[in-house]
N, C-alpha and C. Protein backbone atom coordinates (compact mmCIF):
# COMPACT_ATOMS: atom_id res chain seq x y z
N MET A 1 91.82 135.97 70.68
CA MET A 1 92.93 136.69 70.09
C MET A 1 93.03 136.46 68.59
N ALA A 2 92.61 135.31 68.12
CA ALA A 2 92.71 134.98 66.71
C ALA A 2 91.91 135.97 65.86
N ILE A 3 90.75 136.40 66.37
CA ILE A 3 89.92 137.36 65.63
C ILE A 3 90.64 138.70 65.52
N LEU A 4 91.24 139.16 66.60
CA LEU A 4 91.97 140.43 66.59
C LEU A 4 93.14 140.36 65.61
N ASP A 5 93.87 139.26 65.62
CA ASP A 5 95.00 139.11 64.68
C ASP A 5 94.51 139.13 63.23
N GLU A 6 93.38 138.49 62.97
CA GLU A 6 92.82 138.47 61.62
C GLU A 6 92.42 139.88 61.18
N ILE A 7 91.81 140.63 62.08
CA ILE A 7 91.40 142.01 61.77
C ILE A 7 92.63 142.87 61.49
N LYS A 8 93.69 142.72 62.29
CA LYS A 8 94.91 143.49 62.07
C LYS A 8 95.52 143.17 60.71
N LYS A 9 95.48 141.90 60.29
CA LYS A 9 95.98 141.51 58.98
C LYS A 9 95.15 142.16 57.88
N GLN A 10 93.83 142.17 58.06
CA GLN A 10 92.95 142.79 57.08
C GLN A 10 93.22 144.29 56.97
N ILE A 11 93.41 144.91 58.12
CA ILE A 11 93.72 146.34 58.14
C ILE A 11 95.01 146.62 57.37
N ALA A 12 96.04 145.81 57.63
CA ALA A 12 97.33 145.99 56.96
C ALA A 12 97.17 145.81 55.45
N GLU A 13 96.40 144.80 55.03
CA GLU A 13 96.19 144.56 53.61
C GLU A 13 95.42 145.72 52.97
N LEU A 14 94.38 146.20 53.65
CA LEU A 14 93.60 147.32 53.14
C LEU A 14 94.45 148.59 53.05
N GLN A 15 95.32 148.80 54.03
CA GLN A 15 96.19 149.97 54.00
C GLN A 15 97.14 149.89 52.82
N LYS A 16 97.66 148.70 52.56
CA LYS A 16 98.55 148.51 51.42
C LYS A 16 97.81 148.81 50.11
N GLN A 17 96.58 148.37 50.00
CA GLN A 17 95.76 148.64 48.81
C GLN A 17 95.50 150.15 48.67
N ALA A 18 95.18 150.79 49.78
CA ALA A 18 94.91 152.23 49.76
C ALA A 18 96.16 153.00 49.33
N ASP A 19 97.31 152.60 49.85
CA ASP A 19 98.56 153.26 49.47
C ASP A 19 98.85 153.11 47.98
N ALA A 20 98.55 151.94 47.42
CA ALA A 20 98.77 151.70 45.99
C ALA A 20 97.84 152.59 45.16
N ILE A 21 96.59 152.71 45.58
CA ILE A 21 95.63 153.55 44.86
C ILE A 21 96.07 155.01 44.89
N VAL A 22 96.49 155.48 46.06
CA VAL A 22 96.95 156.87 46.20
C VAL A 22 98.16 157.11 45.30
N SER A 23 99.07 156.17 45.26
CA SER A 23 100.27 156.32 44.44
C SER A 23 99.90 156.43 42.96
N GLN A 24 98.99 155.59 42.49
CA GLN A 24 98.56 155.63 41.10
C GLN A 24 97.85 156.94 40.79
N GLU A 25 96.96 157.36 41.66
CA GLU A 25 96.22 158.60 41.45
C GLU A 25 97.15 159.81 41.48
N ARG A 26 98.13 159.78 42.36
CA ARG A 26 99.10 160.87 42.45
C ARG A 26 99.81 161.08 41.12
N GLN A 27 100.23 159.98 40.51
CA GLN A 27 100.94 160.08 39.24
C GLN A 27 100.05 160.71 38.16
N LYS A 28 98.77 160.34 38.13
CA LYS A 28 97.85 160.92 37.16
C LYS A 28 97.67 162.42 37.42
N ILE A 29 97.49 162.78 38.68
CA ILE A 29 97.29 164.18 39.04
C ILE A 29 98.52 165.01 38.71
N ILE A 30 99.68 164.49 39.03
CA ILE A 30 100.93 165.20 38.73
C ILE A 30 101.06 165.42 37.23
N ALA A 31 100.74 164.42 36.44
CA ALA A 31 100.82 164.56 34.98
C ALA A 31 99.84 165.63 34.50
N GLU A 32 98.63 165.66 35.06
CA GLU A 32 97.64 166.67 34.68
C GLU A 32 98.13 168.07 35.03
N ILE A 33 98.68 168.22 36.22
CA ILE A 33 99.18 169.52 36.65
C ILE A 33 100.31 169.99 35.75
N LYS A 34 101.23 169.09 35.44
CA LYS A 34 102.34 169.45 34.56
C LYS A 34 101.83 169.89 33.19
N GLN A 35 100.82 169.21 32.67
CA GLN A 35 100.27 169.56 31.36
C GLN A 35 99.63 170.94 31.42
N LYS A 36 98.85 171.21 32.47
CA LYS A 36 98.19 172.51 32.59
C LYS A 36 99.21 173.61 32.82
N ASP A 37 100.25 173.31 33.57
CA ASP A 37 101.33 174.27 33.78
C ASP A 37 101.95 174.64 32.43
N SER A 38 102.19 173.64 31.62
CA SER A 38 102.77 173.87 30.30
C SER A 38 101.82 174.65 29.40
N ASP A 39 100.55 174.31 29.43
CA ASP A 39 99.55 174.97 28.57
C ASP A 39 99.32 176.43 28.96
N TYR A 40 99.31 176.71 30.24
CA TYR A 40 98.92 178.05 30.71
C TYR A 40 100.06 178.85 31.34
N ASN A 41 101.28 178.31 31.34
CA ASN A 41 102.44 178.99 31.93
C ASN A 41 102.17 179.43 33.37
N ILE A 42 101.68 178.54 34.16
CA ILE A 42 101.38 178.83 35.56
C ILE A 42 102.68 178.78 36.36
N THR A 43 102.87 179.77 37.23
CA THR A 43 104.08 179.80 38.06
C THR A 43 103.78 179.30 39.46
N ALA A 44 104.82 178.88 40.15
CA ALA A 44 104.67 178.41 41.52
C ALA A 44 104.15 179.51 42.43
N SER A 45 104.59 180.74 42.19
CA SER A 45 104.14 181.84 43.04
C SER A 45 102.65 182.12 42.83
N GLU A 46 102.15 181.92 41.61
CA GLU A 46 100.72 182.09 41.36
C GLU A 46 99.89 181.07 42.12
N LEU A 47 100.47 179.92 42.37
CA LEU A 47 99.78 178.87 43.13
C LEU A 47 99.98 179.00 44.63
N GLY A 48 100.76 180.01 45.03
CA GLY A 48 101.03 180.20 46.45
C GLY A 48 102.12 179.29 46.96
N LEU A 49 102.89 178.74 46.06
CA LEU A 49 103.99 177.86 46.45
C LEU A 49 105.29 178.65 46.45
N SER A 50 106.19 178.27 47.29
CA SER A 50 107.48 178.95 47.31
C SER A 50 108.58 177.92 47.37
N LYS A 51 109.76 178.35 47.00
CA LYS A 51 110.91 177.46 47.06
C LYS A 51 111.24 177.17 48.51
N LYS A 52 111.69 175.97 48.75
CA LYS A 52 112.10 175.62 50.10
C LYS A 52 113.38 176.36 50.45
N SER A 53 113.46 176.79 51.68
CA SER A 53 114.65 177.53 52.09
C SER A 53 115.81 176.57 52.29
N SER A 54 116.98 177.12 52.27
CA SER A 54 118.18 176.31 52.44
C SER A 54 118.43 175.97 53.90
N GLY A 55 117.53 176.42 54.76
CA GLY A 55 117.67 176.15 56.17
C GLY A 55 118.39 177.26 56.91
N LYS A 56 118.98 178.18 56.16
CA LYS A 56 119.68 179.29 56.79
C LYS A 56 118.68 180.37 57.13
N LYS A 57 118.79 180.88 58.29
CA LYS A 57 117.93 181.98 58.70
C LYS A 57 118.62 183.29 58.36
N SER A 58 117.82 184.27 58.05
CA SER A 58 118.35 185.59 57.74
C SER A 58 118.97 186.18 59.00
N THR A 59 120.11 186.81 58.83
CA THR A 59 120.78 187.41 59.98
C THR A 59 120.31 188.84 60.22
N THR A 60 119.57 189.38 59.25
CA THR A 60 119.08 190.74 59.43
C THR A 60 117.73 190.72 60.11
N THR A 61 117.48 191.74 60.90
CA THR A 61 116.20 191.85 61.57
C THR A 61 115.57 193.18 61.19
N GLU A 62 114.28 193.25 61.34
CA GLU A 62 113.60 194.50 61.08
C GLU A 62 114.04 195.53 62.11
N PRO A 63 114.36 196.73 61.66
CA PRO A 63 114.79 197.75 62.61
C PRO A 63 113.62 198.19 63.49
N VAL A 64 113.94 198.57 64.70
CA VAL A 64 112.94 199.08 65.64
C VAL A 64 112.65 200.54 65.30
N VAL A 65 111.38 200.87 65.22
CA VAL A 65 111.00 202.24 64.90
C VAL A 65 111.32 203.13 66.09
N LYS A 66 112.10 204.17 65.85
CA LYS A 66 112.45 205.11 66.92
C LYS A 66 111.80 206.48 66.71
N TYR A 67 111.51 206.80 65.44
CA TYR A 67 110.92 208.10 65.13
C TYR A 67 109.74 207.91 64.18
N LYS A 68 108.71 208.73 64.37
CA LYS A 68 107.53 208.65 63.53
C LYS A 68 106.93 210.05 63.39
N ASN A 69 106.65 210.45 62.13
CA ASN A 69 106.09 211.78 61.93
C ASN A 69 104.56 211.73 61.89
N GLU A 70 103.96 212.88 61.70
CA GLU A 70 102.49 212.97 61.72
C GLU A 70 101.84 212.26 60.54
N ASN A 71 102.59 211.98 59.49
CA ASN A 71 102.07 211.27 58.33
C ASN A 71 102.22 209.75 58.46
N GLY A 72 102.78 209.30 59.58
CA GLY A 72 102.97 207.87 59.80
C GLY A 72 104.26 207.31 59.25
N GLU A 73 105.09 208.17 58.67
CA GLU A 73 106.39 207.73 58.16
C GLU A 73 107.31 207.47 59.35
N THR A 74 108.13 206.41 59.24
CA THR A 74 108.98 206.02 60.36
C THR A 74 110.45 206.00 59.97
N TRP A 75 111.28 205.96 61.01
CA TRP A 75 112.72 205.85 60.84
C TRP A 75 113.29 205.15 62.05
N SER A 76 114.24 204.28 61.83
CA SER A 76 114.85 203.54 62.93
C SER A 76 115.93 204.35 63.64
N GLY A 77 116.39 205.40 63.00
CA GLY A 77 117.43 206.21 63.61
C GLY A 77 118.81 205.65 63.43
N GLY A 78 118.94 204.65 62.57
CA GLY A 78 120.24 204.02 62.43
C GLY A 78 120.60 203.70 61.00
N ARG A 79 120.40 202.45 60.61
CA ARG A 79 120.87 201.94 59.32
C ARG A 79 120.39 202.77 58.13
N GLY A 80 121.25 202.85 57.17
CA GLY A 80 120.89 203.51 55.91
C GLY A 80 120.86 205.02 56.01
N ARG A 81 120.42 205.61 54.91
CA ARG A 81 120.37 207.07 54.88
C ARG A 81 119.12 207.57 55.60
N GLN A 82 119.18 208.80 56.01
CA GLN A 82 118.03 209.41 56.69
C GLN A 82 116.92 209.66 55.67
N PRO A 83 115.68 209.40 56.08
CA PRO A 83 114.57 209.69 55.18
C PRO A 83 114.47 211.20 54.92
N ASP A 84 113.84 211.55 53.81
CA ASP A 84 113.71 212.96 53.44
C ASP A 84 112.99 213.77 54.51
N TRP A 85 111.99 213.16 55.15
CA TRP A 85 111.25 213.92 56.16
C TRP A 85 112.13 214.26 57.36
N VAL A 86 113.07 213.39 57.69
CA VAL A 86 114.00 213.66 58.79
C VAL A 86 114.98 214.75 58.36
N LYS A 87 115.48 214.64 57.14
CA LYS A 87 116.40 215.67 56.62
C LYS A 87 115.72 217.04 56.62
N ALA A 88 114.44 217.07 56.22
CA ALA A 88 113.72 218.34 56.15
C ALA A 88 113.57 218.96 57.54
N ILE A 89 113.29 218.15 58.54
CA ILE A 89 113.16 218.67 59.91
C ILE A 89 114.49 219.24 60.38
N LYS A 90 115.55 218.49 60.15
CA LYS A 90 116.87 218.94 60.58
C LYS A 90 117.30 220.21 59.81
N ALA A 91 117.02 220.23 58.52
CA ALA A 91 117.40 221.39 57.71
C ALA A 91 116.66 222.65 58.16
N ALA A 92 115.44 222.46 58.66
CA ALA A 92 114.65 223.61 59.13
C ALA A 92 115.02 223.99 60.56
N GLY A 93 116.00 223.28 61.13
CA GLY A 93 116.42 223.59 62.49
C GLY A 93 115.54 222.95 63.55
N GLY A 94 114.69 222.01 63.13
CA GLY A 94 113.80 221.34 64.08
C GLY A 94 114.50 220.29 64.90
N ASP A 95 113.82 219.85 65.94
CA ASP A 95 114.38 218.84 66.84
C ASP A 95 113.73 217.49 66.53
N ILE A 96 114.52 216.57 66.01
CA ILE A 96 114.01 215.25 65.65
C ILE A 96 113.51 214.49 66.88
N GLU A 97 114.00 214.82 68.04
CA GLU A 97 113.60 214.15 69.27
C GLU A 97 112.10 214.36 69.58
N LYS A 98 111.50 215.36 69.02
CA LYS A 98 110.05 215.58 69.21
C LYS A 98 109.25 214.48 68.52
N TYR A 99 109.89 213.74 67.64
CA TYR A 99 109.23 212.69 66.87
C TYR A 99 109.57 211.29 67.39
N ARG A 100 110.29 211.25 68.50
CA ARG A 100 110.70 209.95 69.06
C ARG A 100 109.46 209.19 69.52
N VAL A 101 109.46 207.88 69.18
CA VAL A 101 108.38 207.01 69.61
C VAL A 101 108.68 206.55 71.03
N VAL A 102 107.71 206.70 71.91
CA VAL A 102 107.88 206.28 73.30
C VAL A 102 107.49 204.82 73.39
N GLY A 103 108.30 204.03 74.02
CA GLY A 103 107.88 202.65 74.18
C GLY A 103 109.03 201.79 74.33
């Protein structure tokens, strides 16, 4: 058992050394990134980074498509104003129900 205990101590010491090296290197890397950000005006969005959310989920959901025309334009049949293509069908006396998506 003494050998196992000695190995565990060595592992713990090596891990502590590794953590110290990572911490030092991190600080250097962060400083380099900040300098390059300043030099080149790099934005977080250009790096694919985004702000962390506040934890609140959006209460709005994507509307379900209820109508679709031959050009692939869609309408949920509810929220907001009617799309121009729907208005045109109705104005021409057409039946919007012919464009209802089945499903």
